[in-house]
Amino acid sequence: MAPMPSTKTESPAAPHLDAGQAVFDTTVWIRLPRPGSRCPVSGLSRSSLAELARPCERNGFKPQVEARVLKRRHAKRGVLLISKESLLGYLNELPAPTAAVLKADVAEFHSITDSCKA
């Protein structure tokens, strides 16, 4: 049986090695991760990704990343697909944390861990 042709397009991402062969990440659309798990591309939760991709009150009803819903005819629900390029572009445009923010995060982390030890 002949192999199925690939429907993915090549991206300019750097390859990684799999069994000594160069493998390019050709993912264009990302499916939301299962509940309770994180996105393998961004590390964000399912709800955080959905909030970025769907119009809601928290984003001013203006999604920050491009998304599509893939659904069969007459189906009530579909699959939310998020553009990998759009998501990574949005994340890259976010400001880097400042030293003050990092100190506050460390202080908050220590206060949480100290309260858990008690």
Protein backbone atom coordinates (compact mmCIF):
# COMPACT_ATOMS: atom_id res chain seq x y z
CA MET A 1 0.00 0.00 0.00
CA ALA A 2 1.36 3.43 -0.95
CA PRO A 3 1.94 5.98 1.86
CA MET A 4 -0.66 8.70 2.25
CA PRO A 5 0.45 12.12 0.99
CA SER A 6 1.12 14.66 3.72
CA THR A 7 -1.34 17.56 4.02
CA LYS A 8 0.96 19.58 6.26
CA THR A 9 2.99 22.47 4.92
CA GLU A 10 6.64 22.93 5.82
CA SER A 11 7.51 25.67 8.26
CA PRO A 12 10.88 27.36 8.57
CA ALA A 13 11.36 25.94 12.08
CA ALA A 14 14.67 24.30 12.84
CA PRO A 15 14.71 20.51 12.63
CA HIS A 16 15.26 18.15 15.51
CA LEU A 17 16.67 14.66 15.22
CA ASP A 18 14.51 11.55 15.50
CA ALA A 19 16.47 8.30 15.15
CA GLY A 20 19.25 10.21 13.41
CA GLN A 21 16.91 11.73 10.78
CA ALA A 22 16.07 15.45 10.63
CA VAL A 23 12.41 16.08 11.44
CA PHE A 24 10.72 19.43 10.80
CA ASP A 25 7.74 20.56 12.86
CA THR A 26 5.12 21.16 10.19
CA THR A 27 2.15 21.75 12.49
CA VAL A 28 0.02 24.65 11.30
CA TRP A 29 -3.03 24.30 13.57
CA ILE A 30 -3.03 23.31 17.25
CA ARG A 31 -5.92 21.44 18.83
CA LEU A 32 -6.86 22.38 22.38
CA PRO A 33 -5.23 20.03 24.90
CA ARG A 34 -7.31 17.63 26.96
CA PRO A 35 -8.78 19.08 30.18
CA GLY A 36 -6.17 19.15 32.94
CA SER A 37 -3.20 19.08 30.56
CA ARG A 38 -1.08 21.78 28.93
CA CYS A 39 -0.44 22.77 25.33
CA PRO A 40 2.83 21.16 24.15
CA VAL A 41 3.69 24.26 22.07
CA SER A 42 3.01 27.10 24.51
CA GLY A 43 2.59 25.43 27.90
CA LEU A 44 -0.74 27.21 28.36
CA SER A 45 -3.82 25.52 29.79
CA ARG A 46 -6.90 24.61 27.75
CA SER A 47 -8.91 27.47 29.24
CA SER A 48 -6.14 30.03 28.63
CA LEU A 49 -5.89 29.02 24.97
CA ALA A 50 -9.66 29.12 24.54
CA GLU A 51 -9.73 32.59 26.12
CA LEU A 52 -7.13 33.82 23.60
CA ALA A 53 -8.98 32.31 20.64
CA ARG A 54 -12.66 32.95 21.40
CA PRO A 55 -14.40 36.29 21.84
CA CYS A 56 -15.22 36.76 25.52
CA GLU A 57 -15.52 39.50 28.12
CA ARG A 58 -11.92 39.06 29.37
CA ASN A 59 -10.45 39.85 25.93
CA GLY A 60 -12.95 42.60 25.09
CA PHE A 61 -14.73 40.25 22.66
CA LYS A 62 -11.68 40.50 20.36
CA PRO A 63 -9.69 37.25 20.17
CA GLN A 64 -5.91 37.76 20.22
CA VAL A 65 -5.09 34.68 18.12
CA GLU A 66 -6.54 33.25 14.92
CA ALA A 67 -8.73 30.17 15.32
CA ARG A 68 -11.13 28.00 13.37
CA VAL A 69 -13.86 25.55 14.38
CA LEU A 70 -13.86 22.27 12.53
CA LYS A 71 -17.26 20.64 12.70
CA ARG A 72 -19.28 18.15 10.75
CA ARG A 73 -22.55 19.14 9.16
CA HIS A 74 -25.45 19.18 11.66
CA ALA A 75 -23.07 18.61 14.59
CA LYS A 76 -23.67 20.60 17.75
CA ARG A 77 -20.01 20.79 18.70
CA GLY A 78 -16.77 21.06 16.84
CA VAL A 79 -13.04 21.11 17.41
CA LEU A 80 -11.37 24.45 18.13
CA LEU A 81 -8.13 24.75 16.15
CA ILE A 82 -5.67 27.56 16.90
CA SER A 83 -3.15 28.92 14.41
CA LYS A 84 0.32 28.05 15.72
CA GLU A 85 1.88 31.02 13.91
CA SER A 86 -0.70 33.42 15.34
CA LEU A 87 -0.28 32.04 18.88
CA LEU A 88 3.52 32.21 18.81
CA GLY A 89 3.38 35.70 17.30
CA TYR A 90 1.07 36.90 20.08
CA LEU A 91 3.29 35.38 22.78
CA ASN A 92 6.44 36.88 21.24
CA GLU A 93 4.86 40.35 21.30
CA LEU A 94 4.19 40.21 25.05
CA PRO A 95 6.56 42.36 27.13
CA ALA A 96 9.43 40.70 28.96
CA PRO A 97 9.13 40.67 32.76
CA THR A 98 10.99 43.39 34.64
CA ALA A 99 13.21 42.82 37.67
CA ALA A 100 10.48 44.19 39.99
CA VAL A 101 7.92 41.74 38.64
CA LEU A 102 10.36 38.85 39.00
CA LYS A 103 11.12 39.81 42.64
CA ALA A 104 7.39 40.00 43.42
CA ASP A 105 6.81 36.58 41.83
CA VAL A 106 9.67 35.04 43.86
CA ALA A 107 8.38 36.61 47.08
CA GLU A 108 4.86 35.33 46.37
CA PHE A 109 6.23 31.84 45.61
CA HIS A 110 8.13 31.77 48.92
CA SER A 111 5.09 32.91 50.89
CA ILE A 112 2.96 30.19 49.28
CA THR A 113 5.53 27.45 49.90
CA ASP A 114 6.04 28.64 53.51
CA SER A 115 2.29 28.47 54.15
CA CYS A 116 2.17 24.95 52.71
CA LYS A 117 4.94 23.76 55.05
CA ALA A 118 3.04 24.95 58.15
